[in-house]
Amino acid sequence: MYYCGFLIAAAVLGGCKQETSQPTVELPPTRIVATVYETRSASDTVSCYRLPDAAAPVVTLLHNGQLVDLVALEEGTLRQGGQFWLHVYPRLGHRPSCYINTNELVPVS
């Protein structure tokens, strides 16, 4: 009886050390990626940062519903500190590009 319990415990503890592989997803070359996004936030404003980091200086504040354009498809989504960011151009006239957390963006087209 004790022998079975030992085997089960050894199997459980031994299995925890095994590495699991991360699944990779191959995207089809014809996949359409959104280039225009709408800002959405629980608050009325969305911060657009100089770098993809919430500790970076804020370039501009956008209001909910404002549109932004993706800077470059090749750049893609950037991961920084466990969060995902997009490099965008706000549609506010002559504003420089900046980074917005993807949690505050909704793809439009």
PDB file of N, CA and C in Angstrom:
ATOM      1  N   MET A   1       0.824  -1.187   0.000  1.00  0.00           N
ATOM      2  CA  MET A   1       0.000   0.000   0.000  1.00  0.00           C
ATOM      3  C   MET A   1       0.877   1.262   0.000  1.00  0.00           C
ATOM      4  N   TYR A   2       1.879   1.281   0.860  1.00  0.00           N
ATOM      5  CA  TYR A   2       2.763   2.442   0.907  1.00  0.00           C
ATOM      6  C   TYR A   2       3.584   2.547  -0.368  1.00  0.00           C
ATOM      7  N   TYR A   3       3.875   1.410  -0.957  1.00  0.00           N
ATOM      8  CA  TYR A   3       4.649   1.365  -2.188  1.00  0.00           C
ATOM      9  C   TYR A   3       3.906   2.058  -3.338  1.00  0.00           C
ATOM     10  N   CYS A   4       2.601   1.852  -3.437  1.00  0.00           N
ATOM     11  CA  CYS A   4       1.785   2.498  -4.487  1.00  0.00           C
ATOM     12  C   CYS A   4       1.749   4.012  -4.303  1.00  0.00           C
ATOM     13  N   GLY A   5       1.599   4.446  -3.054  1.00  0.00           N
ATOM     14  CA  GLY A   5       1.586   5.883  -2.772  1.00  0.00           C
ATOM     15  C   GLY A   5       2.903   6.533  -3.136  1.00  0.00           C
ATOM     16  N   PHE A   6       4.002   5.825  -2.859  1.00  0.00           N
ATOM     17  CA  PHE A   6       5.318   6.344  -3.207  1.00  0.00           C
ATOM     18  C   PHE A   6       5.479   6.468  -4.718  1.00  0.00           C
ATOM     19  N   LEU A   7       5.015   5.460  -5.467  1.00  0.00           N
ATOM     20  CA  LEU A   7       5.120   5.488  -6.925  1.00  0.00           C
ATOM     21  C   LEU A   7       4.299   6.639  -7.522  1.00  0.00           C
ATOM     22  N   ILE A   8       3.115   6.844  -6.987  1.00  0.00           N
ATOM     23  CA  ILE A   8       2.262   7.941  -7.480  1.00  0.00           C
ATOM     24  C   ILE A   8       2.923   9.287  -7.188  1.00  0.00           C
ATOM     25  N   ALA A   9       3.432   9.464  -5.974  1.00  0.00           N
ATOM     26  CA  ALA A   9       4.092  10.726  -5.613  1.00  0.00           C
ATOM     27  C   ALA A   9       5.325  10.953  -6.478  1.00  0.00           C
ATOM     28  N   ALA A  10       6.102   9.894  -6.722  1.00  0.00           N
ATOM     29  CA  ALA A  10       7.304  10.028  -7.550  1.00  0.00           C
ATOM     30  C   ALA A  10       6.940  10.389  -8.983  1.00  0.00           C
ATOM     31  N   ALA A  11       5.873   9.798  -9.495  1.00  0.00           N
ATOM     32  CA  ALA A  11       5.449  10.099 -10.865  1.00  0.00           C
ATOM     33  C   ALA A  11       4.979  11.536 -10.987  1.00  0.00           C
ATOM     34  N   VAL A  12       4.218  12.008 -10.005  1.00  0.00           N
ATOM     35  CA  VAL A  12       3.714  13.388 -10.044  1.00  0.00           C
ATOM     36  C   VAL A  12       4.860  14.379  -9.937  1.00  0.00           C
ATOM     37  N   LEU A  13       5.743  14.168  -8.966  1.00  0.00           N
ATOM     38  CA  LEU A  13       6.861  15.096  -8.786  1.00  0.00           C
ATOM     39  C   LEU A  13       7.854  15.006  -9.927  1.00  0.00           C
ATOM     40  N   GLY A  14       8.081  13.839 -10.453  1.00  0.00           N
ATOM     41  CA  GLY A  14       9.003  13.676 -11.570  1.00  0.00           C
ATOM     42  C   GLY A  14       8.462  14.296 -12.842  1.00  0.00           C
ATOM     43  N   GLY A  15       7.159  14.266 -13.032  1.00  0.00           N
ATOM     44  CA  GLY A  15       6.545  14.833 -14.227  1.00  0.00           C
ATOM     45  C   GLY A  15       6.585  16.347 -14.259  1.00  0.00           C
ATOM     46  N   CYS A  16       6.739  16.970 -13.112  1.00  0.00           N
ATOM     47  CA  CYS A  16       6.759  18.437 -13.056  1.00  0.00           C
ATOM     48  C   CYS A  16       8.030  19.011 -13.660  1.00  0.00           C
ATOM     49  N   LYS A  17       9.077  18.211 -13.761  1.00  0.00           N
ATOM     50  CA  LYS A  17      10.344  18.701 -14.269  1.00  0.00           C
ATOM     51  C   LYS A  17      10.434  18.624 -15.792  1.00  0.00           C
ATOM     52  N   GLN A  18       9.462  17.973 -16.407  1.00  0.00           N
ATOM     53  CA  GLN A  18       9.495  17.839 -17.849  1.00  0.00           C
ATOM     54  C   GLN A  18       9.144  19.165 -18.510  1.00  0.00           C
ATOM     55  N   GLU A  19       9.874  19.501 -19.549  1.00  0.00           N
ATOM     56  CA  GLU A  19       9.596  20.726 -20.284  1.00  0.00           C
ATOM     57  C   GLU A  19       8.523  20.457 -21.322  1.00  0.00           C
ATOM     58  N   THR A  20       7.641  21.411 -21.463  1.00  0.00           N
ATOM     59  CA  THR A  20       6.611  21.291 -22.489  1.00  0.00           C
ATOM     60  C   THR A  20       6.950  22.247 -23.616  1.00  0.00           C
ATOM     61  N   SER A  21       6.639  21.844 -24.809  1.00  0.00           N
ATOM     62  CA  SER A  21       6.938  22.710 -25.944  1.00  0.00           C
ATOM     63  C   SER A  21       5.796  23.696 -26.156  1.00  0.00           C
ATOM     64  N   GLN A  22       6.147  24.888 -26.570  1.00  0.00           N
ATOM     65  CA  GLN A  22       5.160  25.916 -26.874  1.00  0.00           C
ATOM     66  C   GLN A  22       4.608  25.666 -28.265  1.00  0.00           C
ATOM     67  N   PRO A  23       3.294  25.686 -28.413  1.00  0.00           N
ATOM     68  CA  PRO A  23       2.742  25.481 -29.752  1.00  0.00           C
ATOM     69  C   PRO A  23       3.043  26.683 -30.645  1.00  0.00           C
ATOM     70  N   THR A  24       3.372  26.407 -31.867  1.00  0.00           N
ATOM     71  CA  THR A  24       3.593  27.488 -32.820  1.00  0.00           C
ATOM     72  C   THR A  24       2.456  27.476 -33.824  1.00  0.00           C
ATOM     73  N   VAL A  25       2.056  28.650 -34.215  1.00  0.00           N
ATOM     74  CA  VAL A  25       0.949  28.787 -35.148  1.00  0.00           C
ATOM     75  C   VAL A  25       1.488  29.400 -36.428  1.00  0.00           C
ATOM     76  N   GLU A  26       1.284  28.722 -37.511  1.00  0.00           N
ATOM     77  CA  GLU A  26       1.672  29.240 -38.818  1.00  0.00           C
ATOM     78  C   GLU A  26       0.494  30.023 -39.384  1.00  0.00           C
ATOM     79  N   LEU A  27       0.694  31.308 -39.602  1.00  0.00           N
ATOM     80  CA  LEU A  27      -0.362  32.138 -40.160  1.00  0.00           C
ATOM     81  C   LEU A  27      -0.318  32.065 -41.678  1.00  0.00           C
ATOM     82  N   PRO A  28      -1.478  31.983 -42.292  1.00  0.00           N
ATOM     83  CA  PRO A  28      -1.492  31.938 -43.755  1.00  0.00           C
ATOM     84  C   PRO A  28      -0.979  33.245 -44.340  1.00  0.00           C
ATOM     85  N   PRO A  29      -0.269  33.187 -45.467  1.00  0.00           N
ATOM     86  CA  PRO A  29       0.293  34.413 -46.056  1.00  0.00           C
ATOM     87  C   PRO A  29      -0.775  35.393 -46.526  1.00  0.00           C
ATOM     88  N   THR A  30      -1.995  34.948 -46.711  1.00  0.00           N
ATOM     89  CA  THR A  30      -3.070  35.839 -47.180  1.00  0.00           C
ATOM     90  C   THR A  30      -3.873  36.429 -46.026  1.00  0.00           C
ATOM     91  N   ARG A  31      -3.445  36.204 -44.786  1.00  0.00           N
ATOM     92  CA  ARG A  31      -4.182  36.713 -43.623  1.00  0.00           C
ATOM     93  C   ARG A  31      -4.181  38.239 -43.654  1.00  0.00           C
ATOM     94  N   ILE A  32      -5.352  38.811 -43.450  1.00  0.00           N
ATOM     95  CA  ILE A  32      -5.495  40.264 -43.444  1.00  0.00           C
ATOM     96  C   ILE A  32      -5.297  40.778 -42.021  1.00  0.00           C
ATOM     97  N   VAL A  33      -4.432  41.756 -41.882  1.00  0.00           N
ATOM     98  CA  VAL A  33      -4.141  42.359 -40.587  1.00  0.00           C
ATOM     99  C   VAL A  33      -4.729  43.770 -40.577  1.00  0.00           C
ATOM    100  N   ALA A  34      -5.396  44.116 -39.480  1.00  0.00           N
ATOM    101  CA  ALA A  34      -5.983  45.453 -39.356  1.00  0.00           C
ATOM    102  C   ALA A  34      -4.880  46.508 -39.334  1.00  0.00           C
ATOM    103  N   THR A  35      -5.130  47.625 -39.997  1.00  0.00           N
ATOM    104  CA  THR A  35      -4.182  48.741 -39.990  1.00  0.00           C
ATOM    105  C   THR A  35      -4.784  49.990 -39.353  1.00  0.00           C
ATOM    106  N   VAL A  36      -6.085  49.956 -39.074  1.00  0.00           N
ATOM    107  CA  VAL A  36      -6.768  51.060 -38.401  1.00  0.00           C
ATOM    108  C   VAL A  36      -7.418  50.501 -37.134  1.00  0.00           C
ATOM    109  N   TYR A  37      -7.227  51.210 -36.028  1.00  0.00           N
ATOM    110  CA  TYR A  37      -7.763  50.790 -34.733  1.00  0.00           C
ATOM    111  C   TYR A  37      -8.515  51.947 -34.086  1.00  0.00           C
ATOM    112  N   GLU A  38      -9.502  51.596 -33.260  1.00  0.00           N
ATOM    113  CA  GLU A  38     -10.249  52.584 -32.487  1.00  0.00           C
ATOM    114  C   GLU A  38      -9.833  52.443 -31.031  1.00  0.00           C
ATOM    115  N   THR A  39      -9.653  53.570 -30.350  1.00  0.00           N
ATOM    116  CA  THR A  39      -9.257  53.537 -28.946  1.00  0.00           C
ATOM    117  C   THR A  39     -10.480  53.255 -28.075  1.00  0.00           C
ATOM    118  N   ARG A  40     -10.295  52.402 -27.080  1.00  0.00           N
ATOM    119  CA  ARG A  40     -11.347  52.056 -26.124  1.00  0.00           C
ATOM    120  C   ARG A  40     -10.706  51.878 -24.766  1.00  0.00           C
ATOM    121  N   SER A  41     -11.308  52.470 -23.759  1.00  0.00           N
ATOM    122  CA  SER A  41     -10.777  52.351 -22.412  1.00  0.00           C
ATOM    123  C   SER A  41     -11.910  52.498 -21.410  1.00  0.00           C
ATOM    124  N   ALA A  42     -11.708  51.987 -20.201  1.00  0.00           N
ATOM    125  CA  ALA A  42     -12.698  52.153 -19.136  1.00  0.00           C
ATOM    126  C   ALA A  42     -12.796  53.625 -18.734  1.00  0.00           C
ATOM    127  N   SER A  43     -11.685  54.334 -18.865  1.00  0.00           N
ATOM    128  CA  SER A  43     -11.712  55.778 -18.608  1.00  0.00           C
ATOM    129  C   SER A  43     -11.984  56.492 -19.930  1.00  0.00           C
ATOM    130  N   ASP A  44     -12.075  57.794 -19.910  1.00  0.00           N
ATOM    131  CA  ASP A  44     -12.387  58.551 -21.128  1.00  0.00           C
ATOM    132  C   ASP A  44     -11.173  58.749 -22.026  1.00  0.00           C
ATOM    133  N   THR A  45      -9.967  58.567 -21.472  1.00  0.00           N
ATOM    134  CA  THR A  45      -8.764  58.826 -22.256  1.00  0.00           C
ATOM    135  C   THR A  45      -7.879  57.588 -22.364  1.00  0.00           C
ATOM    136  N   VAL A  46      -7.085  57.569 -23.420  1.00  0.00           N
ATOM    137  CA  VAL A  46      -6.121  56.503 -23.672  1.00  0.00           C
ATOM    138  C   VAL A  46      -4.760  57.164 -23.854  1.00  0.00           C
ATOM    139  N   SER A  47      -3.775  56.708 -23.101  1.00  0.00           N
ATOM    140  CA  SER A  47      -2.425  57.265 -23.199  1.00  0.00           C
ATOM    141  C   SER A  47      -1.676  56.631 -24.356  1.00  0.00           C
ATOM    142  N   CYS A  48      -0.932  57.464 -25.076  1.00  0.00           N
ATOM    143  CA  CYS A  48      -0.087  57.008 -26.167  1.00  0.00           C
ATOM    144  C   CYS A  48       1.347  57.393 -25.771  1.00  0.00           C
ATOM    145  N   TYR A  49       2.212  56.392 -25.608  1.00  0.00           N
ATOM    146  CA  TYR A  49       3.535  56.575 -25.022  1.00  0.00           C
ATOM    147  C   TYR A  49       4.649  56.676 -26.067  1.00  0.00           C
ATOM    148  N   ARG A  50       5.753  57.296 -25.667  1.00  0.00           N
ATOM    149  CA  ARG A  50       6.921  57.428 -26.546  1.00  0.00           C
ATOM    150  C   ARG A  50       7.563  56.076 -26.836  1.00  0.00           C
ATOM    151  N   LEU A  51       7.533  55.173 -25.855  1.00  0.00           N
ATOM    152  CA  LEU A  51       8.082  53.820 -25.984  1.00  0.00           C
ATOM    153  C   LEU A  51       7.002  52.815 -25.582  1.00  0.00           C
ATOM    154  N   PRO A  52       7.149  51.544 -25.954  1.00  0.00           N
ATOM    155  CA  PRO A  52       6.153  50.551 -25.561  1.00  0.00           C
ATOM    156  C   PRO A  52       6.295  50.153 -24.087  1.00  0.00           C
ATOM    157  N   ASP A  53       6.019  51.119 -23.206  1.00  0.00           N
ATOM    158  CA  ASP A  53       6.187  50.917 -21.773  1.00  0.00           C
ATOM    159  C   ASP A  53       5.334  51.955 -21.044  1.00  0.00           C
ATOM    160  N   ALA A  54       4.518  51.508 -20.099  1.00  0.00           N
ATOM    161  CA  ALA A  54       3.640  52.423 -19.367  1.00  0.00           C
ATOM    162  C   ALA A  54       4.414  53.410 -18.500  1.00  0.00           C
ATOM    163  N   ALA A  55       5.704  53.161 -18.265  1.00  0.00           N
ATOM    164  CA  ALA A  55       6.534  54.086 -17.489  1.00  0.00           C
ATOM    165  C   ALA A  55       7.176  55.148 -18.379  1.00  0.00           C
ATOM    166  N   ALA A  56       7.040  55.009 -19.693  1.00  0.00           N
ATOM    167  CA  ALA A  56       7.626  55.978 -20.639  1.00  0.00           C
ATOM    168  C   ALA A  56       6.802  57.272 -20.636  1.00  0.00           C
ATOM    169  N   PRO A  57       7.391  58.367 -21.128  1.00  0.00           N
ATOM    170  CA  PRO A  57       6.641  59.617 -21.215  1.00  0.00           C
ATOM    171  C   PRO A  57       5.439  59.488 -22.164  1.00  0.00           C
ATOM    172  N   VAL A  58       4.359  60.156 -21.803  1.00  0.00           N
ATOM    173  CA  VAL A  58       3.148  60.163 -22.627  1.00  0.00           C
ATOM    174  C   VAL A  58       3.320  61.196 -23.733  1.00  0.00           C
ATOM    175  N   VAL A  59       3.114  60.788 -24.978  1.00  0.00           N
ATOM    176  CA  VAL A  59       3.206  61.691 -26.121  1.00  0.00           C
ATOM    177  C   VAL A  59       1.913  62.490 -26.253  1.00  0.00           C
ATOM    178  N   THR A  60       0.778  61.776 -26.147  1.00  0.00           N
ATOM    179  CA  THR A  60      -0.516  62.434 -26.263  1.00  0.00           C
ATOM    180  C   THR A  60      -1.590  61.596 -25.595  1.00  0.00           C
ATOM    181  N   LEU A  61      -2.686  62.234 -25.236  1.00  0.00           N
ATOM    182  CA  LEU A  61      -3.849  61.536 -24.703  1.00  0.00           C
ATOM    183  C   LEU A  61      -4.926  61.528 -25.778  1.00  0.00           C
ATOM    184  N   LEU A  62      -5.514  60.366 -26.008  1.00  0.00           N
ATOM    185  CA  LEU A  62      -6.586  60.225 -26.987  1.00  0.00           C
ATOM    186  C   LEU A  62      -7.891  59.945 -26.251  1.00  0.00           C
ATOM    187  N   HIS A  63      -9.008  60.319 -26.853  1.00  0.00           N
ATOM    188  CA  HIS A  63     -10.317  60.044 -26.271  1.00  0.00           C
ATOM    189  C   HIS A  63     -10.869  58.755 -26.841  1.00  0.00           C
ATOM    190  N   ASN A  64     -11.767  58.121 -26.094  1.00  0.00           N
ATOM    191  CA  ASN A  64     -12.410  56.909 -26.588  1.00  0.00           C
ATOM    192  C   ASN A  64     -13.030  57.158 -27.948  1.00  0.00           C
ATOM    193  N   GLY A  65     -12.865  56.210 -28.843  1.00  0.00           N
ATOM    194  CA  GLY A  65     -13.455  56.305 -30.171  1.00  0.00           C
ATOM    195  C   GLY A  65     -12.574  56.953 -31.218  1.00  0.00           C
ATOM    196  N   GLN A  66     -11.428  57.499 -30.830  1.00  0.00           N
ATOM    197  CA  GLN A  66     -10.531  58.098 -31.821  1.00  0.00           C
ATOM    198  C   GLN A  66      -9.825  57.001 -32.602  1.00  0.00           C
ATOM    199  N   LEU A  67      -9.519  57.280 -33.857  1.00  0.00           N
ATOM    200  CA  LEU A  67      -8.858  56.313 -34.728  1.00  0.00           C
ATOM    201  C   LEU A  67      -7.359  56.551 -34.771  1.00  0.00           C
ATOM    202  N   VAL A  68      -6.617  55.439 -34.871  1.00  0.00           N
ATOM    203  CA  VAL A  68      -5.164  55.494 -35.036  1.00  0.00           C
ATOM    204  C   VAL A  68      -4.802  54.543 -36.169  1.00  0.00           C
ATOM    205  N   ASP A  69      -3.702  54.849 -36.855  1.00  0.00           N
ATOM    206  CA  ASP A  69      -3.218  54.021 -37.958  1.00  0.00           C
ATOM    207  C   ASP A  69      -1.947  53.309 -37.540  1.00  0.00           C
ATOM    208  N   LEU A  70      -1.823  52.054 -37.931  1.00  0.00           N
ATOM    209  CA  LEU A  70      -0.632  51.264 -37.659  1.00  0.00           C
ATOM    210  C   LEU A  70       0.555  51.869 -38.404  1.00  0.00           C
ATOM    211  N   VAL A  71       1.704  51.991 -37.754  1.00  0.00           N
ATOM    212  CA  VAL A  71       2.883  52.575 -38.383  1.00  0.00           C
ATOM    213  C   VAL A  71       3.423  51.655 -39.467  1.00  0.00           C
ATOM    214  N   ALA A  72       3.638  50.358 -39.140  1.00  0.00           N
ATOM    215  CA  ALA A  72       4.198  49.422 -40.122  1.00  0.00           C
ATOM    216  C   ALA A  72       3.750  48.002 -39.799  1.00  0.00           C
ATOM    217  N   LEU A  73       3.235  47.312 -40.793  1.00  0.00           N
ATOM    218  CA  LEU A  73       2.839  45.910 -40.606  1.00  0.00           C
ATOM    219  C   LEU A  73       4.012  45.043 -40.180  1.00  0.00           C
ATOM    220  N   GLU A  74       5.194  45.325 -40.709  1.00  0.00           N
ATOM    221  CA  GLU A  74       6.375  44.522 -40.428  1.00  0.00           C
ATOM    222  C   GLU A  74       6.776  44.580 -38.950  1.00  0.00           C
ATOM    223  N   GLU A  75       6.486  45.687 -38.298  1.00  0.00           N
ATOM    224  CA  GLU A  75       6.874  45.831 -36.896  1.00  0.00           C
ATOM    225  C   GLU A  75       6.053  44.902 -36.009  1.00  0.00           C
ATOM    226  N   GLY A  76       4.798  44.720 -36.330  1.00  0.00           N
ATOM    227  CA  GLY A  76       3.929  43.805 -35.587  1.00  0.00           C
ATOM    228  C   GLY A  76       3.670  44.257 -34.167  1.00  0.00           C
ATOM    229  N   THR A  77       3.164  43.332 -33.384  1.00  0.00           N
ATOM    230  CA  THR A  77       2.865  43.596 -31.983  1.00  0.00           C
ATOM    231  C   THR A  77       4.142  43.424 -31.171  1.00  0.00           C
ATOM    232  N   LEU A  78       4.404  44.365 -30.293  1.00  0.00           N
ATOM    233  CA  LEU A  78       5.600  44.326 -29.453  1.00  0.00           C
ATOM    234  C   LEU A  78       5.217  43.879 -28.048  1.00  0.00           C
ATOM    235  N   ARG A  79       6.007  42.979 -27.486  1.00  0.00           N
ATOM    236  CA  ARG A  79       5.744  42.533 -26.116  1.00  0.00           C
ATOM    237  C   ARG A  79       6.743  43.189 -25.187  1.00  0.00           C
ATOM    238  N   GLN A  80       6.232  43.843 -24.160  1.00  0.00           N
ATOM    239  CA  GLN A  80       7.089  44.534 -23.198  1.00  0.00           C
ATOM    240  C   GLN A  80       6.468  44.367 -21.810  1.00  0.00           C
ATOM    241  N   GLY A  81       7.203  43.759 -20.903  1.00  0.00           N
ATOM    242  CA  GLY A  81       6.723  43.621 -19.529  1.00  0.00           C
ATOM    243  C   GLY A  81       5.420  42.849 -19.405  1.00  0.00           C
ATOM    244  N   GLY A  82       5.219  41.840 -20.230  1.00  0.00           N
ATOM    245  CA  GLY A  82       4.001  41.041 -20.155  1.00  0.00           C
ATOM    246  C   GLY A  82       2.796  41.677 -20.812  1.00  0.00           C
ATOM    247  N   GLN A  83       2.988  42.827 -21.443  1.00  0.00           N
ATOM    248  CA  GLN A  83       1.898  43.509 -22.136  1.00  0.00           C
ATOM    249  C   GLN A  83       2.248  43.617 -23.617  1.00  0.00           C
ATOM    250  N   PHE A  84       1.222  43.795 -24.442  1.00  0.00           N
ATOM    251  CA  PHE A  84       1.416  43.908 -25.877  1.00  0.00           C
ATOM    252  C   PHE A  84       1.104  45.328 -26.330  1.00  0.00           C
ATOM    253  N   TRP A  85       1.915  45.848 -27.251  1.00  0.00           N
ATOM    254  CA  TRP A  85       1.830  47.232 -27.698  1.00  0.00           C
ATOM    255  C   TRP A  85       1.835  47.297 -29.219  1.00  0.00           C
ATOM    256  N   LEU A  86       1.193  48.345 -29.757  1.00  0.00           N
ATOM    257  CA  LEU A  86       1.250  48.628 -31.186  1.00  0.00           C
ATOM    258  C   LEU A  86       1.793  50.031 -31.389  1.00  0.00           C
ATOM    259  N   HIS A  87       2.602  50.178 -32.425  1.00  0.00           N
ATOM    260  CA  HIS A  87       3.172  51.470 -32.804  1.00  0.00           C
ATOM    261  C   HIS A  87       2.191  52.111 -33.787  1.00  0.00           C
ATOM    262  N   VAL A  88       1.654  53.260 -33.419  1.00  0.00           N
ATOM    263  CA  VAL A  88       0.568  53.870 -34.202  1.00  0.00           C
ATOM    264  C   VAL A  88       0.802  55.362 -34.455  1.00  0.00           C
ATOM    265  N   TYR A  89       0.055  55.868 -35.455  1.00  0.00           N
ATOM    266  CA  TYR A  89      -0.044  57.308 -35.710  1.00  0.00           C
ATOM    267  C   TYR A  89      -1.435  57.758 -35.290  1.00  0.00           C
ATOM    268  N   PRO A  90      -1.549  58.649 -34.306  1.00  0.00           N
ATOM    269  CA  PRO A  90      -2.871  59.189 -33.970  1.00  0.00           C
ATOM    270  C   PRO A  90      -3.369  60.086 -35.101  1.00  0.00           C
ATOM    271  N   ARG A  91      -4.663  60.086 -35.344  1.00  0.00           N
ATOM    272  CA  ARG A  91      -5.249  60.943 -36.378  1.00  0.00           C
ATOM    273  C   ARG A  91      -5.634  62.288 -35.764  1.00  0.00           C
ATOM    274  N   LEU A  92      -4.651  62.994 -35.261  1.00  0.00           N
ATOM    275  CA  LEU A  92      -4.884  64.290 -34.620  1.00  0.00           C
ATOM    276  C   LEU A  92      -4.119  65.407 -35.303  1.00  0.00           C
ATOM    277  N   GLY A  93      -3.821  65.264 -36.539  1.00  0.00           N
ATOM    278  CA  GLY A  93      -3.048  66.293 -37.216  1.00  0.00           C
ATOM    279  C   GLY A  93      -1.595  65.899 -37.282  1.00  0.00           C
ATOM    280  N   HIS A  94      -0.726  66.757 -36.817  1.00  0.00           N
ATOM    281  CA  HIS A  94       0.723  66.535 -36.935  1.00  0.00           C
ATOM    282  C   HIS A  94       1.317  65.978 -35.643  1.00  0.00           C
ATOM    283  N   ARG A  95       0.749  64.910 -35.146  1.00  0.00           N
ATOM    284  CA  ARG A  95       1.277  64.266 -33.938  1.00  0.00           C
ATOM    285  C   ARG A  95       2.299  63.200 -34.340  1.00  0.00           C
ATOM    286  N   PRO A  96       3.344  63.020 -33.519  1.00  0.00           N
ATOM    287  CA  PRO A  96       4.319  61.957 -33.823  1.00  0.00           C
ATOM    288  C   PRO A  96       3.729  60.583 -33.519  1.00  0.00           C
ATOM    289  N   SER A  97       4.388  59.561 -34.008  1.00  0.00           N
ATOM    290  CA  SER A  97       3.944  58.203 -33.714  1.00  0.00           C
ATOM    291  C   SER A  97       4.177  57.910 -32.231  1.00  0.00           C
ATOM    292  N   CYS A  98       3.423  56.946 -31.721  1.00  0.00           N
ATOM    293  CA  CYS A  98       3.547  56.571 -30.320  1.00  0.00           C
ATOM    294  C   CYS A  98       3.033  55.147 -30.140  1.00  0.00           C
ATOM    295  N   TYR A  99       3.095  54.638 -28.925  1.00  0.00           N
ATOM    296  CA  TYR A  99       2.722  53.256 -28.631  1.00  0.00           C
ATOM    297  C   TYR A  99       1.507  53.214 -27.719  1.00  0.00           C
ATOM    298  N   ILE A 100       0.555  52.321 -28.051  1.00  0.00           N
ATOM    299  CA  ILE A 100      -0.650  52.128 -27.248  1.00  0.00           C
ATOM    300  C   ILE A 100      -0.739  50.656 -26.868  1.00  0.00           C
ATOM    301  N   ASN A 101      -1.117  50.406 -25.625  1.00  0.00           N
ATOM    302  CA  ASN A 101      -1.327  49.056 -25.153  1.00  0.00           C
ATOM    303  C   ASN A 101      -2.501  48.457 -25.934  1.00  0.00           C
ATOM    304  N   THR A 102      -2.345  47.229 -26.411  1.00  0.00           N
ATOM    305  CA  THR A 102      -3.379  46.609 -27.242  1.00  0.00           C
ATOM    306  C   THR A 102      -4.687  46.370 -26.480  1.00  0.00           C
ATOM    307  N   ASN A 103      -4.655  46.394 -25.162  1.00  0.00           N
ATOM    308  CA  ASN A 103      -5.883  46.255 -24.381  1.00  0.00           C
ATOM    309  C   ASN A 103      -6.821  47.438 -24.602  1.00  0.00           C
ATOM    310  N   GLU A 104      -6.287  48.533 -25.116  1.00  0.00           N
ATOM    311  CA  GLU A 104      -7.076  49.741 -25.321  1.00  0.00           C
ATOM    312  C   GLU A 104      -7.342  50.025 -26.786  1.00  0.00           C
ATOM    313  N   LEU A 105      -7.205  48.988 -27.634  1.00  0.00           N
ATOM    314  CA  LEU A 105      -7.426  49.147 -29.073  1.00  0.00           C
ATOM    315  C   LEU A 105      -8.387  48.086 -29.592  1.00  0.00           C
ATOM    316  N   VAL A 106      -9.241  48.505 -30.532  1.00  0.00           N
ATOM    317  CA  VAL A 106     -10.164  47.592 -31.198  1.00  0.00           C
ATOM    318  C   VAL A 106      -9.902  47.719 -32.701  1.00  0.00           C
ATOM    319  N   PRO A 107      -9.631  46.594 -33.401  1.00  0.00           N
ATOM    320  CA  PRO A 107      -9.393  46.688 -34.848  1.00  0.00           C
ATOM    321  C   PRO A 107     -10.639  47.147 -35.588  1.00  0.00           C
ATOM    322  N   VAL A 108     -10.444  48.062 -36.545  1.00  0.00           N
ATOM    323  CA  VAL A 108     -11.556  48.592 -37.331  1.00  0.00           C
ATOM    324  C   VAL A 108     -11.454  48.095 -38.761  1.00  0.00           C
ATOM    325  N   SER A 109     -10.307  48.308 -39.383  1.00  0.00           N
ATOM    326  CA  SER A 109     -10.122  47.831 -40.763  1.00  0.00           C
ATOM    327  C   SER A 109      -8.650  47.667 -41.086  1.00  0.00           C
TER     328      SER A 109
END
